[in-house]
Amino acid sequence: EVLVLSTDPITGTTKDIGSHSVHITANDLAASGAEPVGIMITILLTPDTDEAELKDMMRGVEKTCQELNIEVMGGHTEITDVVKQPLISLTGVGKMKKEELLVTSAVKPGQDIVVTKWIGLEGTSIIATEFEKELKKRLPVSIVDESQKFASLLSVVKDSRVAMQVGVSAMHDVTEGGIFGALWEMAEASGVGLCVDLKKIPIRQETIEICEFFNLNPYQLISSGSMVMAAENGHDIVRELNKVGIEAAVIGKATEGNDRVLLNEDEKRFLEPPKTDELYKVV
């Protein structure tokens, strides 16, 4: 076995930051095919942070660690005026068999491209929480409430386990830059092209509504909870994911060359390098 390490600071939100930070780090490990086993946590707090906030963060950390069966192995907490808001930085530790280690650069032409769950889950949940009052004045309350629940869908650890059992060449969790950014990064790392059908990319109506409200592009919105996979047998992976209650879809194929094509009915456009995440236009 080998150890796989990942480290991440959480800067896009302060709401439910404890749980959020654990999911993001565990997802990075899962994208390599590793089984998360533990985390080291550093918390930097502003001088005006009260004890109740710290306790709430740690409750979120511990609850999510229990759900994912991983341990808090240690860490550091500090009050400092260097930060403008509470900041959590996690280092995750995972393990796996060396010969099964996945890298983003292993996509081959002809392979299916699979996306799990729905894009935009993370960004939608953050916006719905941060701007709850404003949104509920203009959108149905049910849309805002349901969007906030997306925070419970941010783990891709189970997605990874299923794909590893079926057989997968590469995985990449969809984070900053959204699905467009993740597709570009995977194709660029592998030196392949893409042909993707925009209408096959799974997206929730709640995400569409909230993005339209703030004039955001949902395809460039931070999307933890969704995984991009490349495999010879993409439809087999989709079927196995569906069996355990995880939505997924084959959205296209990797191709020879460097053209990264997006098809939308008769319209054809090309993917561009990742841009600043849409979330930062509003938070």
Protein backbone atom coordinates (compact mmCIF):
# COMPACT_ATOMS: atom_id res chain seq x y z
CA GLU A 1 0.00 0.00 0.00
CA VAL A 2 0.98 3.64 -0.49
CA LEU A 3 -0.15 6.77 1.34
CA VAL A 4 -1.83 9.56 -0.62
CA LEU A 5 -1.80 13.10 0.79
CA SER A 6 -3.90 16.14 -0.08
CA THR A 7 -4.09 19.62 1.41
CA ASP A 8 -6.71 22.34 0.97
CA PRO A 9 -7.68 25.67 2.57
CA ILE A 10 -11.38 26.56 2.58
CA THR A 11 -11.92 30.19 1.58
CA GLY A 12 -15.22 30.32 -0.34
CA THR A 13 -17.58 30.19 2.65
CA THR A 14 -17.78 30.48 6.43
CA LYS A 15 -21.11 28.68 6.82
CA ASP A 16 -20.77 25.04 7.89
CA ILE A 17 -17.07 25.38 7.17
CA GLY A 18 -16.10 22.41 9.36
CA SER A 19 -18.11 19.83 7.44
CA HIS A 20 -17.29 21.49 4.15
CA SER A 21 -13.54 21.31 4.71
CA VAL A 22 -13.59 17.57 5.45
CA HIS A 23 -15.60 16.77 2.32
CA ILE A 24 -13.30 18.80 0.06
CA THR A 25 -10.17 17.06 1.35
CA ALA A 26 -11.71 13.58 1.29
CA ASN A 27 -12.86 14.21 -2.29
CA ASP A 28 -9.33 15.06 -3.40
CA LEU A 29 -8.12 11.73 -2.01
CA ALA A 30 -11.02 9.87 -3.61
CA ALA A 31 -10.13 11.34 -7.01
CA SER A 32 -6.86 9.40 -6.82
CA GLY A 33 -8.76 6.25 -5.95
CA ALA A 34 -7.53 6.36 -2.34
CA GLU A 35 -9.57 5.48 0.73
CA PRO A 36 -9.49 8.47 3.15
CA VAL A 37 -8.29 7.46 6.64
CA GLY A 38 -7.49 10.68 8.52
CA ILE A 39 -7.00 14.44 8.54
CA MET A 40 -4.73 17.02 10.14
CA ILE A 41 -6.50 20.33 10.70
CA THR A 42 -5.28 23.92 11.10
CA ILE A 43 -7.80 26.57 12.18
CA LEU A 44 -7.00 30.29 12.07
CA LEU A 45 -9.58 32.51 13.78
CA THR A 46 -10.08 36.27 13.86
CA PRO A 47 -9.79 38.00 17.25
CA ASP A 48 -13.56 38.57 17.39
CA THR A 49 -14.40 34.86 16.92
CA ASP A 50 -16.23 33.49 19.93
CA GLU A 51 -15.95 30.01 21.44
CA ALA A 52 -19.38 28.96 20.16
CA GLU A 53 -18.22 29.41 16.55
CA LEU A 54 -15.16 27.23 17.14
CA LYS A 55 -17.32 24.54 18.76
CA ASP A 56 -19.70 24.65 15.80
CA MET A 57 -16.80 24.20 13.35
CA MET A 58 -15.47 21.21 15.26
CA ARG A 59 -18.92 19.63 15.52
CA GLY A 60 -19.10 19.81 11.72
CA VAL A 61 -15.62 18.32 11.38
CA GLU A 62 -16.32 15.45 13.79
CA LYS A 63 -19.77 14.66 12.35
CA THR A 64 -18.46 14.46 8.79
CA CYS A 65 -15.43 12.41 9.84
CA GLN A 66 -17.78 9.91 11.49
CA GLU A 67 -19.90 9.71 8.33
CA LEU A 68 -16.81 9.02 6.20
CA ASN A 69 -15.14 6.77 8.80
CA ILE A 70 -11.97 8.86 9.04
CA GLU A 71 -10.10 10.23 12.06
CA VAL A 72 -8.93 13.65 13.20
CA MET A 73 -5.27 12.84 13.72
CA GLY A 74 -4.23 16.20 15.15
CA GLY A 75 -3.84 19.86 14.27
CA HIS A 76 -3.48 23.43 15.44
CA THR A 77 -5.85 26.26 16.40
CA GLU A 78 -4.81 29.92 16.59
CA ILE A 79 -6.34 33.37 17.00
CA THR A 80 -4.67 35.92 14.72
CA ASP A 81 -5.41 39.25 13.06
CA VAL A 82 -3.67 38.01 9.90
CA VAL A 83 -6.95 36.51 8.61
CA LYS A 84 -10.11 38.48 7.77
CA GLN A 85 -12.45 35.54 8.43
CA PRO A 86 -12.13 32.09 10.03
CA LEU A 87 -9.98 29.83 7.86
CA ILE A 88 -9.63 26.06 7.98
CA SER A 89 -6.83 24.24 6.19
CA LEU A 90 -6.87 20.44 6.10
CA THR A 91 -4.29 17.86 5.13
CA GLY A 92 -5.89 14.52 4.33
CA VAL A 93 -4.27 11.09 4.41
CA GLY A 94 -5.52 8.18 2.34
CA LYS A 95 -4.24 4.73 1.44
CA MET A 96 -4.49 2.39 -1.51
CA LYS A 97 -2.64 -0.25 -3.48
CA LYS A 98 0.20 1.33 -5.43
CA GLU A 99 -0.76 -0.29 -8.72
CA GLU A 100 -4.29 1.17 -8.49
CA LEU A 101 -3.22 4.80 -8.04
CA LEU A 102 -5.04 7.07 -10.49
CA VAL A 103 -3.72 10.27 -12.06
CA THR A 104 -5.66 12.94 -13.94
CA SER A 105 -3.35 12.55 -16.93
CA ALA A 106 -4.41 8.98 -17.80
CA VAL A 107 -7.34 9.75 -20.13
CA LYS A 108 -7.09 7.99 -23.51
CA PRO A 109 -8.82 8.91 -26.80
CA GLY A 110 -12.06 6.99 -27.28
CA GLN A 111 -12.85 6.71 -23.59
CA ASP A 112 -16.23 7.75 -22.23
CA ILE A 113 -16.50 10.85 -20.04
CA VAL A 114 -18.82 10.37 -17.06
CA VAL A 115 -20.16 12.99 -14.64
CA THR A 116 -21.66 11.96 -11.29
CA LYS A 117 -24.57 13.59 -9.48
CA TRP A 118 -25.16 17.17 -10.69
CA ILE A 119 -22.87 20.09 -11.38
CA GLY A 120 -22.99 23.22 -9.23
CA LEU A 121 -24.11 21.53 -6.01
CA GLU A 122 -21.49 23.21 -3.83
CA GLY A 123 -21.87 26.70 -5.26
CA THR A 124 -25.65 26.47 -5.18
CA SER A 125 -25.73 25.43 -1.53
CA ILE A 126 -23.28 28.18 -0.53
CA ILE A 127 -25.21 30.92 -2.36
CA ALA A 128 -28.57 29.68 -1.05
CA THR A 129 -27.22 29.81 2.52
CA GLU A 130 -25.34 33.10 2.28
CA PHE A 131 -28.19 34.93 0.51
CA GLU A 132 -31.20 33.10 1.96
CA LYS A 133 -33.29 36.19 2.80
CA GLU A 134 -32.64 37.90 -0.51
CA LEU A 135 -33.42 34.78 -2.55
CA LYS A 136 -36.62 33.98 -0.68
CA LYS A 137 -38.01 37.40 -1.61
CA ARG A 138 -37.70 36.59 -5.31
CA LEU A 139 -37.75 32.80 -5.68
CA PRO A 140 -40.06 30.09 -4.30
CA VAL A 141 -39.07 29.19 -0.74
CA SER A 142 -38.95 25.51 -1.72
CA ILE A 143 -36.17 26.18 -4.25
CA VAL A 144 -33.99 27.96 -1.68
CA ASP A 145 -34.62 25.33 1.01
CA GLU A 146 -33.84 22.47 -1.37
CA SER A 147 -30.69 24.24 -2.59
CA GLN A 148 -29.38 24.49 0.96
CA LYS A 149 -29.80 20.72 1.33
CA PHE A 150 -27.26 20.23 -1.49
CA ALA A 151 -24.59 20.62 1.21
CA SER A 152 -25.35 17.01 2.19
CA LEU A 153 -24.35 15.79 -1.30
CA LEU A 154 -20.78 17.08 -1.42
CA SER A 155 -18.94 13.80 -0.88
CA VAL A 156 -17.66 11.81 -3.88
CA VAL A 157 -15.99 9.11 -1.79
CA LYS A 158 -18.76 6.62 -2.59
CA ASP A 159 -18.71 7.64 -6.28
CA SER A 160 -15.00 6.81 -6.36
CA ARG A 161 -15.41 3.42 -4.67
CA VAL A 162 -18.00 2.31 -7.21
CA ALA A 163 -15.92 3.48 -10.18
CA MET A 164 -12.81 1.74 -8.85
CA GLN A 165 -14.74 -1.53 -8.59
CA VAL A 166 -16.01 -1.29 -12.17
CA GLY A 167 -12.78 0.02 -13.70
CA VAL A 168 -11.83 3.64 -14.37
CA SER A 169 -8.79 5.30 -15.95
CA ALA A 170 -8.92 8.76 -14.38
CA MET A 171 -11.07 10.79 -11.99
CA HIS A 172 -11.18 14.50 -11.19
CA ASP A 173 -13.42 16.11 -8.57
CA VAL A 174 -15.20 19.17 -9.92
CA THR A 175 -14.16 22.12 -7.77
CA GLU A 176 -13.26 25.74 -8.61
CA GLY A 177 -13.91 26.61 -12.22
CA GLY A 178 -16.87 24.24 -12.38
CA ILE A 179 -17.41 21.47 -14.90
CA PHE A 180 -15.83 23.48 -17.73
CA GLY A 181 -12.67 23.93 -15.66
CA ALA A 182 -12.55 20.27 -14.64
CA LEU A 183 -12.99 19.04 -18.21
CA TRP A 184 -10.25 21.37 -19.45
CA GLU A 185 -7.84 20.36 -16.68
CA MET A 186 -8.37 16.65 -17.30
CA ALA A 187 -7.99 16.98 -21.07
CA GLU A 188 -4.95 19.28 -20.78
CA ALA A 189 -3.19 16.95 -18.33
CA SER A 190 -3.80 13.97 -20.62
CA GLY A 191 -3.07 15.70 -23.92
CA VAL A 192 -6.41 14.71 -25.44
CA GLY A 193 -9.37 16.41 -27.01
CA LEU A 194 -13.01 16.22 -25.95
CA CYS A 195 -16.40 16.06 -27.56
CA VAL A 196 -19.05 16.83 -24.96
CA ASP A 197 -22.82 17.24 -25.33
CA LEU A 198 -23.79 20.22 -23.15
CA LYS A 199 -27.35 18.98 -22.73
CA LYS A 200 -26.13 15.69 -21.24
CA ILE A 201 -24.29 17.43 -18.39
CA PRO A 202 -26.54 16.82 -15.34
CA ILE A 203 -27.76 19.96 -13.56
CA ARG A 204 -30.55 20.60 -11.05
CA GLN A 205 -33.30 23.11 -11.76
CA GLU A 206 -32.52 24.79 -8.42
CA THR A 207 -29.00 25.55 -9.65
CA ILE A 208 -30.35 27.01 -12.88
CA GLU A 209 -32.79 29.26 -10.99
CA ILE A 210 -30.21 30.59 -8.53
CA CYS A 211 -27.59 31.14 -11.23
CA GLU A 212 -30.10 33.06 -13.34
CA PHE A 213 -30.97 35.21 -10.31
CA PHE A 214 -27.34 36.30 -9.92
CA ASN A 215 -26.49 36.12 -13.64
CA LEU A 216 -23.92 33.33 -13.14
CA ASN A 217 -22.76 30.60 -15.49
CA PRO A 218 -23.56 27.30 -13.70
CA TYR A 219 -20.97 25.45 -15.80
CA GLN A 220 -18.22 27.58 -14.23
CA LEU A 221 -19.56 27.31 -10.66
CA ILE A 222 -17.68 25.39 -7.96
CA SER A 223 -19.12 21.88 -7.96
CA SER A 224 -17.82 19.63 -5.18
CA GLY A 225 -20.13 16.62 -5.01
CA SER A 226 -19.64 15.90 -8.69
CA MET A 227 -16.85 13.77 -10.17
CA VAL A 228 -15.59 13.61 -13.77
CA MET A 229 -14.41 10.15 -14.81
CA ALA A 230 -12.82 8.68 -17.90
CA ALA A 231 -13.34 4.99 -18.65
CA GLU A 232 -13.61 2.45 -21.43
CA ASN A 233 -16.97 1.36 -20.04
CA GLY A 234 -18.67 4.58 -18.96
CA HIS A 235 -22.20 3.19 -19.23
CA ASP A 236 -21.27 0.29 -16.94
CA ILE A 237 -20.09 2.80 -14.32
CA VAL A 238 -23.34 4.76 -14.67
CA ARG A 239 -25.40 1.60 -14.13
CA GLU A 240 -23.46 0.61 -11.01
CA LEU A 241 -23.69 4.13 -9.60
CA ASN A 242 -27.43 4.13 -10.21
CA LYS A 243 -27.76 0.86 -8.29
CA VAL A 244 -26.44 2.55 -5.14
CA GLY A 245 -28.58 5.66 -5.63
CA ILE A 246 -26.03 7.94 -7.29
CA GLU A 247 -27.10 9.79 -10.43
CA ALA A 248 -24.58 9.84 -13.29
CA ALA A 249 -24.41 10.34 -17.04
CA VAL A 250 -22.05 9.76 -19.95
CA ILE A 251 -21.62 13.26 -21.43
CA GLY A 252 -19.16 12.61 -24.24
CA LYS A 253 -15.83 11.11 -25.25
CA ALA A 254 -12.15 11.87 -25.21
CA THR A 255 -10.76 12.37 -28.72
CA GLU A 256 -7.47 12.52 -30.61
CA GLY A 257 -5.88 15.95 -30.90
CA ASN A 258 -6.39 19.04 -28.77
CA ASP A 259 -9.85 20.27 -29.79
CA ARG A 260 -12.16 20.42 -26.75
CA VAL A 261 -15.58 20.72 -28.33
CA LEU A 262 -18.90 21.52 -26.65
CA LEU A 263 -22.01 20.67 -28.63
CA ASN A 264 -25.36 22.31 -27.90
CA GLU A 265 -27.77 21.00 -30.54
CA ASP A 266 -26.55 22.70 -33.77
CA GLU A 267 -24.18 25.04 -31.94
CA LYS A 268 -20.50 24.16 -31.62
CA ARG A 269 -18.03 25.95 -29.34
CA PHE A 270 -14.65 25.23 -27.80
CA LEU A 271 -13.71 24.90 -24.15
CA GLU A 272 -11.38 27.60 -22.84
CA PRO A 273 -8.86 27.42 -19.98
CA PRO A 274 -10.45 27.74 -16.52
CA LYS A 275 -11.55 31.21 -15.42
CA THR A 276 -12.24 32.69 -12.00
CA ASP A 277 -15.03 30.73 -10.37
CA GLU A 278 -18.48 32.26 -10.68
CA LEU A 279 -18.97 31.98 -6.90
CA TYR A 280 -16.56 34.85 -6.31
CA LYS A 281 -18.83 37.24 -8.20
CA VAL A 282 -21.28 37.08 -5.30
CA VAL A 283 -19.40 36.07 -2.11
